[in-house]
C-alpha cells in the first residue's frame, strides 16, 4: 500500500511540473502519454487483470476498474483532447473590485504552491 501512495505522490508532483511548462512542451508530454497508452495497451490490460484478480467480481468498483482495449484507447483520445484545450494557468474566473479599491480575483486553482 505504501508503494501505491508513493506512486500517487509522484503523479501529483508531476502534474505540478506539467502546469508550469510552456504550452508546446506540455502538449508534447500529453501527446506522448497518449501514444504510450496506445502502444502499451496489452501490457496495461494484463496488469489490470492481476489487480482485478484480487477483487470480488460483484464489487461495484470492479466494472469501473476493468480496462479493455476500447477503454484505454478512449483514455488516450481524452488525453489528446486535453492537449488541445487552452491552459487555465493565469486565467481569471471572476474578478471584483471592492469599494475601497481592493481587487479580488478567483483562479481555477490555488497558484501559491508553485510561486
PDB file of N, CA and C in Angstrom:
ATOM      1  N   UNK A   1       0.820  -1.191   0.000  1.00  0.00           N
ATOM      2  CA  UNK A   1       0.000   0.000   0.000  1.00  0.00           C
ATOM      3  C   UNK A   1       0.869   1.263   0.000  1.00  0.00           C
ATOM      4  N   UNK A   2       1.964   1.235   0.734  1.00  0.00           N
ATOM      5  CA  UNK A   2       2.861   2.389   0.766  1.00  0.00           C
ATOM      6  C   UNK A   2       3.420   2.697  -0.618  1.00  0.00           C
ATOM      7  N   UNK A   3       3.658   1.648  -1.396  1.00  0.00           N
ATOM      8  CA  UNK A   3       4.180   1.839  -2.753  1.00  0.00           C
ATOM      9  C   UNK A   3       3.156   2.590  -3.613  1.00  0.00           C
ATOM     10  N   UNK A   4       1.887   2.246  -3.465  1.00  0.00           N
ATOM     11  CA  UNK A   4       0.827   2.920  -4.216  1.00  0.00           C
ATOM     12  C   UNK A   4       0.769   4.389  -3.816  1.00  0.00           C
ATOM     13  N   UNK A   5       0.841   4.651  -2.535  1.00  0.00           N
ATOM     14  CA  UNK A   5       0.802   6.033  -2.051  1.00  0.00           C
ATOM     15  C   UNK A   5       1.979   6.821  -2.599  1.00  0.00           C
ATOM     16  N   UNK A   6       3.151   6.215  -2.634  1.00  0.00           N
ATOM     17  CA  UNK A   6       4.332   6.893  -3.181  1.00  0.00           C
ATOM     18  C   UNK A   6       4.156   7.190  -4.667  1.00  0.00           C
ATOM     19  N   UNK A   7       3.569   6.254  -5.403  1.00  0.00           N
ATOM     20  CA  UNK A   7       3.308   6.485  -6.827  1.00  0.00           C
ATOM     21  C   UNK A   7       2.312   7.627  -7.017  1.00  0.00           C
ATOM     22  N   UNK A   8       1.288   7.655  -6.185  1.00  0.00           N
ATOM     23  CA  UNK A   8       0.297   8.732  -6.287  1.00  0.00           C
ATOM     24  C   UNK A   8       0.916  10.085  -5.963  1.00  0.00           C
ATOM     25  N   UNK A   9       1.806  10.118  -4.978  1.00  0.00           N
ATOM     26  CA  UNK A   9       2.502  11.370  -4.654  1.00  0.00           C
ATOM     27  C   UNK A   9       3.358  11.821  -5.838  1.00  0.00           C
ATOM     28  N   UNK A  10       4.012  10.873  -6.506  1.00  0.00           N
ATOM     29  CA  UNK A  10       4.841  11.205  -7.668  1.00  0.00           C
ATOM     30  C   UNK A  10       3.984  11.739  -8.807  1.00  0.00           C
ATOM     31  N   UNK A  11       2.819  11.158  -9.003  1.00  0.00           N
ATOM     32  CA  UNK A  11       1.900  11.636 -10.047  1.00  0.00           C
ATOM     33  C   UNK A  11       1.453  13.057  -9.733  1.00  0.00           C
ATOM     34  N   UNK A  12       1.115  13.310  -8.473  1.00  0.00           N
ATOM     35  CA  UNK A  12       0.680  14.654  -8.087  1.00  0.00           C
ATOM     36  C   UNK A  12       1.796  15.668  -8.334  1.00  0.00           C
ATOM     37  N   UNK A  13       3.011  15.312  -7.978  1.00  0.00           N
ATOM     38  CA  UNK A  13       4.147  16.213  -8.205  1.00  0.00           C
ATOM     39  C   UNK A  13       4.361  16.452  -9.694  1.00  0.00           C
ATOM     40  N   UNK A  14       4.197  15.404 -10.492  1.00  0.00           N
ATOM     41  CA  UNK A  14       4.370  15.537 -11.935  1.00  0.00           C
ATOM     42  C   UNK A  14       3.321  16.476 -12.530  1.00  0.00           C
ATOM     43  N   UNK A  15       2.103  16.451 -11.990  1.00  0.00           N
ATOM     44  CA  UNK A  15       1.073  17.353 -12.510  1.00  0.00           C
ATOM     45  C   UNK A  15       1.459  18.799 -12.261  1.00  0.00           C
ATOM     46  N   UNK A  16       2.079  19.073 -11.125  1.00  0.00           N
ATOM     47  CA  UNK A  16       2.536  20.431 -10.846  1.00  0.00           C
ATOM     48  C   UNK A  16       3.599  20.854 -11.855  1.00  0.00           C
ATOM     49  N   UNK A  17       4.490  19.940 -12.178  1.00  0.00           N
ATOM     50  CA  UNK A  17       5.533  20.246 -13.167  1.00  0.00           C
ATOM     51  C   UNK A  17       4.916  20.513 -14.538  1.00  0.00           C
ATOM     52  N   UNK A  18       3.904  19.745 -14.905  1.00  0.00           N
ATOM     53  CA  UNK A  18       3.236  19.956 -16.189  1.00  0.00           C
ATOM     54  C   UNK A  18       2.575  21.322 -16.263  1.00  0.00           C
ATOM     55  N   UNK A  19       2.038  21.770 -15.158  1.00  0.00           N
ATOM     56  CA  UNK A  19       1.294  23.026 -15.151  1.00  0.00           C
ATOM     57  C   UNK A  19       2.168  24.228 -15.481  1.00  0.00           C
ATOM     58  N   UNK A  20       3.433  24.173 -15.137  1.00  0.00           N
ATOM     59  CA  UNK A  20       4.291  25.331 -15.366  1.00  0.00           C
ATOM     60  C   UNK A  20       5.084  25.242 -16.673  1.00  0.00           C
ATOM     61  N   UNK A  21       4.920  24.152 -17.409  1.00  0.00           N
ATOM     62  CA  UNK A  21       5.579  24.033 -18.708  1.00  0.00           C
ATOM     63  C   UNK A  21       4.903  24.959 -19.708  1.00  0.00           C
ATOM     64  N   UNK A  22       5.655  25.372 -20.723  1.00  0.00           N
ATOM     65  CA  UNK A  22       5.019  26.150 -21.770  1.00  0.00           C
ATOM     66  C   UNK A  22       4.095  25.235 -22.566  1.00  0.00           C
ATOM     67  N   UNK A  23       3.172  25.847 -23.291  1.00  0.00           N
ATOM     68  CA  UNK A  23       2.106  25.110 -23.972  1.00  0.00           C
ATOM     69  C   UNK A  23       2.636  24.020 -24.902  1.00  0.00           C
ATOM     70  N   UNK A  24       3.636  24.317 -25.694  1.00  0.00           N
ATOM     71  CA  UNK A  24       4.120  23.321 -26.660  1.00  0.00           C
ATOM     72  C   UNK A  24       4.750  22.119 -25.958  1.00  0.00           C
ATOM     73  N   UNK A  25       5.518  22.361 -24.890  1.00  0.00           N
ATOM     74  CA  UNK A  25       6.148  21.253 -24.166  1.00  0.00           C
ATOM     75  C   UNK A  25       5.088  20.418 -23.443  1.00  0.00           C
ATOM     76  N   UNK A  26       4.110  21.091 -22.826  1.00  0.00           N
ATOM     77  CA  UNK A  26       3.040  20.388 -22.117  1.00  0.00           C
ATOM     78  C   UNK A  26       2.257  19.510 -23.098  1.00  0.00           C
ATOM     79  N   UNK A  27       1.939  20.062 -24.257  1.00  0.00           N
ATOM     80  CA  UNK A  27       1.210  19.282 -25.259  1.00  0.00           C
ATOM     81  C   UNK A  27       2.048  18.113 -25.773  1.00  0.00           C
ATOM     82  N   UNK A  28       3.339  18.332 -25.902  1.00  0.00           N
ATOM     83  CA  UNK A  28       4.247  17.251 -26.319  1.00  0.00           C
ATOM     84  C   UNK A  28       4.192  16.103 -25.303  1.00  0.00           C
ATOM     85  N   UNK A  29       4.214  16.441 -24.019  1.00  0.00           N
ATOM     86  CA  UNK A  29       4.144  15.421 -22.971  1.00  0.00           C
ATOM     87  C   UNK A  29       2.801  14.690 -23.029  1.00  0.00           C
ATOM     88  N   UNK A  30       1.714  15.435 -23.164  1.00  0.00           N
ATOM     89  CA  UNK A  30       0.394  14.812 -23.201  1.00  0.00           C
ATOM     90  C   UNK A  30       0.218  13.918 -24.433  1.00  0.00           C
ATOM     91  N   UNK A  31       0.677  14.377 -25.576  1.00  0.00           N
ATOM     92  CA  UNK A  31       0.560  13.566 -26.789  1.00  0.00           C
ATOM     93  C   UNK A  31       1.443  12.328 -26.710  1.00  0.00           C
ATOM     94  N   UNK A  32       2.596  12.469 -26.075  1.00  0.00           N
ATOM     95  CA  UNK A  32       3.471  11.318 -25.862  1.00  0.00           C
ATOM     96  C   UNK A  32       2.803  10.304 -24.931  1.00  0.00           C
ATOM     97  N   UNK A  33       2.137  10.807 -23.893  1.00  0.00           N
ATOM     98  CA  UNK A  33       1.410   9.925 -22.972  1.00  0.00           C
ATOM     99  C   UNK A  33       0.314   9.166 -23.708  1.00  0.00           C
ATOM    100  N   UNK A  34      -0.436   9.851 -24.559  1.00  0.00           N
ATOM    101  CA  UNK A  34      -1.498   9.195 -25.329  1.00  0.00           C
ATOM    102  C   UNK A  34      -0.921   8.096 -26.220  1.00  0.00           C
ATOM    103  N   UNK A  35       0.187   8.393 -26.862  1.00  0.00           N
ATOM    104  CA  UNK A  35       0.828   7.389 -27.736  1.00  0.00           C
ATOM    105  C   UNK A  35       1.308   6.189 -26.926  1.00  0.00           C
ATOM    106  N   UNK A  36       1.893   6.455 -25.751  1.00  0.00           N
ATOM    107  CA  UNK A  36       2.372   5.357 -24.895  1.00  0.00           C
ATOM    108  C   UNK A  36       1.218   4.509 -24.388  1.00  0.00           C
ATOM    109  N   UNK A  37       0.092   5.131 -24.097  1.00  0.00           N
ATOM    110  CA  UNK A  37      -1.088   4.361 -23.687  1.00  0.00           C
ATOM    111  C   UNK A  37      -1.494   3.390 -24.787  1.00  0.00           C
ATOM    112  N   UNK A  38      -1.520   3.874 -26.021  1.00  0.00           N
ATOM    113  CA  UNK A  38      -1.900   3.009 -27.138  1.00  0.00           C
ATOM    114  C   UNK A  38      -0.881   1.891 -27.368  1.00  0.00           C
ATOM    115  N   UNK A  39       0.391   2.239 -27.282  1.00  0.00           N
ATOM    116  CA  UNK A  39       1.439   1.231 -27.502  1.00  0.00           C
ATOM    117  C   UNK A  39       1.490   0.187 -26.386  1.00  0.00           C
ATOM    118  N   UNK A  40       1.137   0.587 -25.183  1.00  0.00           N
ATOM    119  CA  UNK A  40       1.224  -0.304 -24.022  1.00  0.00           C
ATOM    120  C   UNK A  40      -0.115  -0.936 -23.663  1.00  0.00           C
ATOM    121  N   UNK A  41      -1.070  -0.831 -24.542  1.00  0.00           N
ATOM    122  CA  UNK A  41      -2.437  -1.252 -24.257  1.00  0.00           C
ATOM    123  C   UNK A  41      -2.503  -2.679 -23.684  1.00  0.00           C
ATOM    124  N   UNK A  42      -1.857  -3.617 -24.324  1.00  0.00           N
ATOM    125  CA  UNK A  42      -1.983  -5.011 -23.885  1.00  0.00           C
ATOM    126  C   UNK A  42      -1.241  -5.268 -22.576  1.00  0.00           C
ATOM    127  N   UNK A  43      -0.137  -4.579 -22.350  1.00  0.00           N
ATOM    128  CA  UNK A  43       0.553  -4.705 -21.060  1.00  0.00           C
ATOM    129  C   UNK A  43      -0.297  -4.111 -19.938  1.00  0.00           C
ATOM    130  N   UNK A  44      -0.974  -3.004 -20.226  1.00  0.00           N
ATOM    131  CA  UNK A  44      -1.851  -2.386 -19.236  1.00  0.00           C
ATOM    132  C   UNK A  44      -3.001  -3.331 -18.898  1.00  0.00           C
ATOM    133  N   UNK A  45      -3.576  -3.957 -19.919  1.00  0.00           N
ATOM    134  CA  UNK A  45      -4.683  -4.893 -19.699  1.00  0.00           C
ATOM    135  C   UNK A  45      -4.232  -6.081 -18.860  1.00  0.00           C
ATOM    136  N   UNK A  46      -3.038  -6.602 -19.137  1.00  0.00           N
ATOM    137  CA  UNK A  46      -2.531  -7.741 -18.351  1.00  0.00           C
ATOM    138  C   UNK A  46      -2.295  -7.353 -16.890  1.00  0.00           C
ATOM    139  N   UNK A  47      -1.739  -6.185 -16.663  1.00  0.00           N
ATOM    140  CA  UNK A  47      -1.535  -5.720 -15.284  1.00  0.00           C
ATOM    141  C   UNK A  47      -2.879  -5.481 -14.607  1.00  0.00           C
ATOM    142  N   UNK A  48      -3.834  -4.970 -15.351  1.00  0.00           N
ATOM    143  CA  UNK A  48      -5.172  -4.730 -14.824  1.00  0.00           C
ATOM    144  C   UNK A  48      -5.838  -6.043 -14.404  1.00  0.00           C
ATOM    145  N   UNK A  49      -5.624  -7.096 -15.178  1.00  0.00           N
ATOM    146  CA  UNK A  49      -6.184  -8.416 -14.826  1.00  0.00           C
ATOM    147  C   UNK A  49      -5.656  -8.881 -13.476  1.00  0.00           C
ATOM    148  N   UNK A  50      -4.374  -8.636 -13.210  1.00  0.00           N
ATOM    149  CA  UNK A  50      -3.791  -9.018 -11.924  1.00  0.00           C
ATOM    150  C   UNK A  50      -4.433  -8.243 -10.784  1.00  0.00           C
ATOM    151  N   UNK A  51      -4.667  -6.953 -11.009  1.00  0.00           N
ATOM    152  CA  UNK A  51      -5.307  -6.125  -9.986  1.00  0.00           C
ATOM    153  C   UNK A  51      -6.732  -6.597  -9.724  1.00  0.00           C
ATOM    154  N   UNK A  52      -7.453  -6.894 -10.784  1.00  0.00           N
ATOM    155  CA  UNK A  52      -8.845  -7.307 -10.648  1.00  0.00           C
ATOM    156  C   UNK A  52      -8.979  -8.704 -10.043  1.00  0.00           C
ATOM    157  N   UNK A  53      -7.947  -9.523 -10.180  1.00  0.00           N
ATOM    158  CA  UNK A  53      -7.996 -10.889  -9.654  1.00  0.00           C
ATOM    159  C   UNK A  53      -8.156 -10.913  -8.136  1.00  0.00           C
ATOM    160  N   UNK A  54      -7.747  -9.846  -7.470  1.00  0.00           N
ATOM    161  CA  UNK A  54      -7.864  -9.817  -6.010  1.00  0.00           C
ATOM    162  C   UNK A  54      -9.159  -9.146  -5.548  1.00  0.00           C
ATOM    163  N   UNK A  55     -10.012  -8.776  -6.505  1.00  0.00           N
ATOM    164  CA  UNK A  55     -11.300  -8.148  -6.182  1.00  0.00           C
ATOM    165  C   UNK A  55     -12.438  -9.124  -6.423  1.00  0.00           C
ATOM    166  N   UNK A  56     -13.503  -8.932  -5.681  1.00  0.00           N
ATOM    167  CA  UNK A  56     -14.721  -9.695  -5.931  1.00  0.00           C
ATOM    168  C   UNK A  56     -15.397  -9.119  -7.176  1.00  0.00           C
ATOM    169  N   UNK A  57     -15.851  -9.978  -8.059  1.00  0.00           N
ATOM    170  CA  UNK A  57     -16.468  -9.505  -9.297  1.00  0.00           C
ATOM    171  C   UNK A  57     -17.788  -8.786  -9.057  1.00  0.00           C
ATOM    172  N   UNK A  58     -18.396  -8.994  -7.890  1.00  0.00           N
ATOM    173  CA  UNK A  58     -19.641  -8.288  -7.594  1.00  0.00           C
ATOM    174  C   UNK A  58     -19.401  -6.941  -6.898  1.00  0.00           C
ATOM    175  N   UNK A  59     -18.128  -6.611  -6.693  1.00  0.00           N
ATOM    176  CA  UNK A  59     -17.784  -5.301  -6.117  1.00  0.00           C
ATOM    177  C   UNK A  59     -18.159  -4.224  -7.134  1.00  0.00           C
ATOM    178  N   UNK A  60     -18.899  -3.188  -6.705  1.00  0.00           N
ATOM    179  CA  UNK A  60     -19.294  -2.131  -7.652  1.00  0.00           C
ATOM    180  C   UNK A  60     -18.107  -1.461  -8.351  1.00  0.00           C
ATOM    181  N   UNK A  61     -16.944  -1.471  -7.742  1.00  0.00           N
ATOM    182  CA  UNK A  61     -15.767  -0.853  -8.351  1.00  0.00           C
ATOM    183  C   UNK A  61     -15.149  -1.727  -9.439  1.00  0.00           C
ATOM    184  N   UNK A  62     -15.495  -3.011  -9.453  1.00  0.00           N
ATOM    185  CA  UNK A  62     -14.881  -3.938 -10.404  1.00  0.00           C
ATOM    186  C   UNK A  62     -15.053  -3.453 -11.842  1.00  0.00           C
ATOM    187  N   UNK A  63     -16.283  -3.144 -12.218  1.00  0.00           N
ATOM    188  CA  UNK A  63     -16.525  -2.717 -13.595  1.00  0.00           C
ATOM    189  C   UNK A  63     -15.843  -1.388 -13.896  1.00  0.00           C
ATOM    190  N   UNK A  64     -15.795  -0.498 -12.920  1.00  0.00           N
ATOM    191  CA  UNK A  64     -15.142   0.795 -13.137  1.00  0.00           C
ATOM    192  C   UNK A  64     -13.643   0.631 -13.370  1.00  0.00           C
ATOM    193  N   UNK A  65     -13.054  -0.348 -12.723  1.00  0.00           N
ATOM    194  CA  UNK A  65     -11.608  -0.551 -12.836  1.00  0.00           C
ATOM    195  C   UNK A  65     -11.225  -1.482 -13.984  1.00  0.00           C
ATOM    196  N   UNK A  66     -12.196  -2.180 -14.544  1.00  0.00           N
ATOM    197  CA  UNK A  66     -11.940  -3.117 -15.632  1.00  0.00           C
ATOM    198  C   UNK A  66     -11.544  -2.357 -16.894  1.00  0.00           C
ATOM    199  N   UNK A  67     -10.340  -2.612 -17.365  1.00  0.00           N
ATOM    200  CA  UNK A  67      -9.852  -1.943 -18.573  1.00  0.00           C
ATOM    201  C   UNK A  67      -9.943  -2.875 -19.769  1.00  0.00           C
ATOM    202  N   UNK A  68     -10.307  -2.307 -20.886  1.00  0.00           N
ATOM    203  CA  UNK A  68     -10.347  -3.028 -22.156  1.00  0.00           C
ATOM    204  C   UNK A  68      -9.567  -2.199 -23.167  1.00  0.00           C
ATOM    205  N   UNK A  69      -9.348  -2.776 -24.320  1.00  0.00           N
ATOM    206  CA  UNK A  69      -8.656  -2.035 -25.374  1.00  0.00           C
ATOM    207  C   UNK A  69      -9.435  -0.763 -25.723  1.00  0.00           C
ATOM    208  N   UNK A  70     -10.747  -0.871 -25.789  1.00  0.00           N
ATOM    209  CA  UNK A  70     -11.580   0.289 -26.116  1.00  0.00           C
ATOM    210  C   UNK A  70     -11.462   1.374 -25.053  1.00  0.00           C
ATOM    211  N   UNK A  71     -11.471   0.979 -23.776  1.00  0.00           N
ATOM    212  CA  UNK A  71     -11.369   1.968 -22.703  1.00  0.00           C
ATOM    213  C   UNK A  71     -10.010   2.667 -22.721  1.00  0.00           C
ATOM    214  N   UNK A  72      -8.964   1.921 -22.949  1.00  0.00           N
ATOM    215  CA  UNK A  72      -7.627   2.518 -22.969  1.00  0.00           C
ATOM    216  C   UNK A  72      -7.499   3.469 -24.163  1.00  0.00           C
ATOM    217  N   UNK A  73      -8.014   3.075 -25.300  1.00  0.00           N
ATOM    218  CA  UNK A  73      -7.980   3.966 -26.465  1.00  0.00           C
ATOM    219  C   UNK A  73      -8.811   5.217 -26.213  1.00  0.00           C
ATOM    220  N   UNK A  74      -9.916   5.071 -25.509  1.00  0.00           N
ATOM    221  CA  UNK A  74     -10.750   6.224 -25.163  1.00  0.00           C
ATOM    222  C   UNK A  74     -10.004   7.165 -24.216  1.00  0.00           C
ATOM    223  N   UNK A  75      -9.272   6.594 -23.269  1.00  0.00           N
ATOM    224  CA  UNK A  75      -8.460   7.408 -22.356  1.00  0.00           C
ATOM    225  C   UNK A  75      -7.403   8.163 -23.153  1.00  0.00           C
ATOM    226  N   UNK A  76      -6.747   7.479 -24.088  1.00  0.00           N
ATOM    227  CA  UNK A  76      -5.735   8.122 -24.928  1.00  0.00           C
ATOM    228  C   UNK A  76      -6.358   9.249 -25.755  1.00  0.00           C
ATOM    229  N   UNK A  77      -7.551   9.005 -26.292  1.00  0.00           N
ATOM    230  CA  UNK A  77      -8.253  10.051 -27.043  1.00  0.00           C
ATOM    231  C   UNK A  77      -8.533  11.261 -26.155  1.00  0.00           C
ATOM    232  N   UNK A  78      -8.945  10.997 -24.918  1.00  0.00           N
ATOM    233  CA  UNK A  78      -9.240  12.092 -23.992  1.00  0.00           C
ATOM    234  C   UNK A  78      -7.987  12.877 -23.624  1.00  0.00           C
ATOM    235  N   UNK A  79      -6.854  12.186 -23.484  1.00  0.00           N
ATOM    236  CA  UNK A  79      -5.594  12.881 -23.194  1.00  0.00           C
ATOM    237  C   UNK A  79      -5.239  13.798 -24.365  1.00  0.00           C
ATOM    238  N   UNK A  80      -5.433  13.315 -25.586  1.00  0.00           N
ATOM    239  CA  UNK A  80      -5.190  14.163 -26.761  1.00  0.00           C
ATOM    240  C   UNK A  80      -6.142  15.359 -26.782  1.00  0.00           C
ATOM    241  N   UNK A  81      -7.363  15.128 -26.372  1.00  0.00           N
ATOM    242  CA  UNK A  81      -8.341  16.220 -26.303  1.00  0.00           C
ATOM    243  C   UNK A  81      -7.877  17.292 -25.312  1.00  0.00           C
ATOM    244  N   UNK A  82      -7.371  16.856 -24.169  1.00  0.00           N
ATOM    245  CA  UNK A  82      -6.866  17.799 -23.166  1.00  0.00           C
ATOM    246  C   UNK A  82      -5.712  18.611 -23.737  1.00  0.00           C
ATOM    247  N   UNK A  83      -4.863  17.978 -24.536  1.00  0.00           N
ATOM    248  CA  UNK A  83      -3.732  18.693 -25.142  1.00  0.00           C
ATOM    249  C   UNK A  83      -4.211  19.846 -26.024  1.00  0.00           C
ATOM    250  N   UNK A  84      -5.401  19.726 -26.569  1.00  0.00           N
ATOM    251  CA  UNK A  84      -5.924  20.767 -27.440  1.00  0.00           C
ATOM    252  C   UNK A  84      -6.677  21.871 -26.715  1.00  0.00           C
ATOM    253  N   UNK A  85      -6.886  21.698 -25.417  1.00  0.00           N
ATOM    254  CA  UNK A  85      -7.624  22.708 -24.652  1.00  0.00           C
ATOM    255  C   UNK A  85      -6.716  23.864 -24.241  1.00  0.00           C
ATOM    256  N   UNK A  86      -7.292  25.037 -24.059  1.00  0.00           N
ATOM    257  CA  UNK A  86      -6.483  26.153 -23.549  1.00  0.00           C
ATOM    258  C   UNK A  86      -6.071  25.877 -22.107  1.00  0.00           C
ATOM    259  N   UNK A  87      -4.868  26.289 -21.760  1.00  0.00           N
ATOM    260  CA  UNK A  87      -4.366  26.049 -20.410  1.00  0.00           C
ATOM    261  C   UNK A  87      -4.924  27.104 -19.462  1.00  0.00           C
ATOM    262  N   UNK A  88      -5.436  26.699 -18.303  1.00  0.00           N
ATOM    263  CA  UNK A  88      -6.075  27.657 -17.400  1.00  0.00           C
ATOM    264  C   UNK A  88      -5.108  28.497 -16.556  1.00  0.00           C
ATOM    265  N   UNK A  89      -3.816  28.210 -16.612  1.00  0.00           N
ATOM    266  CA  UNK A  89      -2.870  28.968 -15.802  1.00  0.00           C
ATOM    267  C   UNK A  89      -2.949  30.446 -16.149  1.00  0.00           C
ATOM    268  N   UNK A  90      -3.183  31.249 -15.148  1.00  0.00           N
ATOM    269  CA  UNK A  90      -3.294  32.687 -15.343  1.00  0.00           C
ATOM    270  C   UNK A  90      -4.695  33.147 -15.723  1.00  0.00           C
ATOM    271  N   UNK A  91      -5.606  32.204 -15.917  1.00  0.00           N
ATOM    272  CA  UNK A  91      -6.977  32.548 -16.249  1.00  0.00           C
ATOM    273  C   UNK A  91      -7.690  33.057 -14.994  1.00  0.00           C
ATOM    274  N   UNK A  92      -8.412  34.114 -15.142  1.00  0.00           N
ATOM    275  CA  UNK A  92      -9.181  34.668 -14.027  1.00  0.00           C
ATOM    276  C   UNK A  92     -10.643  34.295 -14.241  1.00  0.00           C
ATOM    277  N   UNK A  93     -11.211  33.525 -13.303  1.00  0.00           N
ATOM    278  CA  UNK A  93     -12.601  33.106 -13.421  1.00  0.00           C
ATOM    279  C   UNK A  93     -13.574  34.211 -13.042  1.00  0.00           C
ATOM    280  N   UNK A  94     -13.185  34.997 -12.060  1.00  0.00           N
ATOM    281  CA  UNK A  94     -14.059  36.058 -11.585  1.00  0.00           C
ATOM    282  C   UNK A  94     -13.191  37.155 -10.988  1.00  0.00           C
ATOM    283  N   UNK A  95     -13.658  38.370 -11.099  1.00  0.00           N
ATOM    284  CA  UNK A  95     -12.906  39.483 -10.545  1.00  0.00           C
ATOM    285  C   UNK A  95     -13.893  40.516 -10.018  1.00  0.00           C
ATOM    286  N   UNK A  96     -13.621  40.999  -8.813  1.00  0.00           N
ATOM    287  CA  UNK A  96     -14.462  42.025  -8.200  1.00  0.00           C
ATOM    288  C   UNK A  96     -13.550  43.111  -7.642  1.00  0.00           C
ATOM    289  N   UNK A  97     -13.999  44.319  -7.748  1.00  0.00           N
ATOM    290  CA  UNK A  97     -13.282  45.437  -7.138  1.00  0.00           C
ATOM    291  C   UNK A  97     -14.162  45.979  -6.019  1.00  0.00           C
ATOM    292  N   UNK A  98     -13.617  45.942  -4.813  1.00  0.00           N
ATOM    293  CA  UNK A  98     -14.348  46.421  -3.644  1.00  0.00           C
ATOM    294  C   UNK A  98     -14.420  47.952  -3.653  1.00  0.00           C
ATOM    295  N   UNK A  99     -15.364  48.506  -2.904  1.00  0.00           N
ATOM    296  CA  UNK A  99     -15.494  49.970  -2.849  1.00  0.00           C
ATOM    297  C   UNK A  99     -14.203  50.681  -2.431  1.00  0.00           C
ATOM    298  N   UNK A 100     -13.366  49.984  -1.650  1.00  0.00           N
ATOM    299  CA  UNK A 100     -12.114  50.602  -1.209  1.00  0.00           C
ATOM    300  C   UNK A 100     -10.988  50.432  -2.242  1.00  0.00           C
ATOM    301  N   UNK A 101     -11.317  49.846  -3.416  1.00  0.00           N
ATOM    302  CA  UNK A 101     -10.317  49.675  -4.467  1.00  0.00           C
ATOM    303  C   UNK A 101      -9.624  48.319  -4.452  1.00  0.00           C
ATOM    304  N   UNK A 102      -9.865  47.509  -3.417  1.00  0.00           N
ATOM    305  CA  UNK A 102      -9.255  46.178  -3.340  1.00  0.00           C
ATOM    306  C   UNK A 102      -9.802  45.299  -4.457  1.00  0.00           C
ATOM    307  N   UNK A 103      -8.902  44.725  -5.254  1.00  0.00           N
ATOM    308  CA  UNK A 103      -9.284  43.841  -6.349  1.00  0.00           C
ATOM    309  C   UNK A 103      -9.176  42.391  -5.874  1.00  0.00           C
ATOM    310  N   UNK A 104     -10.244  41.630  -6.043  1.00  0.00           N
ATOM    311  CA  UNK A 104     -10.279  40.219  -5.651  1.00  0.00           C
ATOM    312  C   UNK A 104     -10.464  39.398  -6.924  1.00  0.00           C
ATOM    313  N   UNK A 105      -9.547  38.451  -7.144  1.00  0.00           N
ATOM    314  CA  UNK A 105      -9.603  37.608  -8.333  1.00  0.00           C
ATOM    315  C   UNK A 105      -9.737  36.149  -7.932  1.00  0.00           C
ATOM    316  N   UNK A 106     -10.526  35.419  -8.693  1.00  0.00           N
ATOM    317  CA  UNK A 106     -10.713  33.988  -8.461  1.00  0.00           C
ATOM    318  C   UNK A 106     -10.060  33.227  -9.609  1.00  0.00           C
ATOM    319  N   UNK A 107      -9.131  32.322  -9.248  1.00  0.00           N
ATOM    320  CA  UNK A 107      -8.432  31.493 -10.227  1.00  0.00           C
ATOM    321  C   UNK A 107      -9.001  30.072 -10.175  1.00  0.00           C
ATOM    322  N   UNK A 108      -8.770  29.258 -11.216  1.00  0.00           N
ATOM    323  CA  UNK A 108      -9.312  27.900 -11.229  1.00  0.00           C
ATOM    324  C   UNK A 108      -8.720  27.001 -10.145  1.00  0.00           C
ATOM    325  N   UNK A 109      -7.557  27.329  -9.612  1.00  0.00           N
ATOM    326  CA  UNK A 109      -6.917  26.518  -8.579  1.00  0.00           C
ATOM    327  C   UNK A 109      -5.936  27.409  -7.841  1.00  0.00           C
ATOM    328  N   UNK A 110      -5.450  26.925  -6.744  1.00  0.00           N
ATOM    329  CA  UNK A 110      -4.514  27.711  -5.950  1.00  0.00           C
ATOM    330  C   UNK A 110      -3.149  27.709  -6.646  1.00  0.00           C
ATOM    331  N   UNK A 111      -2.569  28.876  -6.805  1.00  0.00           N
ATOM    332  CA  UNK A 111      -1.310  29.009  -7.509  1.00  0.00           C
ATOM    333  C   UNK A 111      -0.115  29.112  -6.579  1.00  0.00           C
ATOM    334  N   UNK A 112      -0.354  29.344  -5.300  1.00  0.00           N
ATOM    335  CA  UNK A 112       0.768  29.652  -4.414  1.00  0.00           C
ATOM    336  C   UNK A 112       1.754  28.493  -4.243  1.00  0.00           C
ATOM    337  N   UNK A 113       1.362  27.269  -4.518  1.00  0.00           N
ATOM    338  CA  UNK A 113       2.262  26.133  -4.335  1.00  0.00           C
ATOM    339  C   UNK A 113       3.461  26.191  -5.270  1.00  0.00           C
ATOM    340  N   UNK A 114       3.326  26.843  -6.410  1.00  0.00           N
ATOM    341  CA  UNK A 114       4.477  26.863  -7.336  1.00  0.00           C
ATOM    342  C   UNK A 114       5.130  28.225  -7.418  1.00  0.00           C
ATOM    343  N   UNK A 115       4.572  29.233  -6.791  1.00  0.00           N
ATOM    344  CA  UNK A 115       5.159  30.565  -6.846  1.00  0.00           C
ATOM    345  C   UNK A 115       6.386  30.670  -5.970  1.00  0.00           C
TER     346      UNK A 115
END
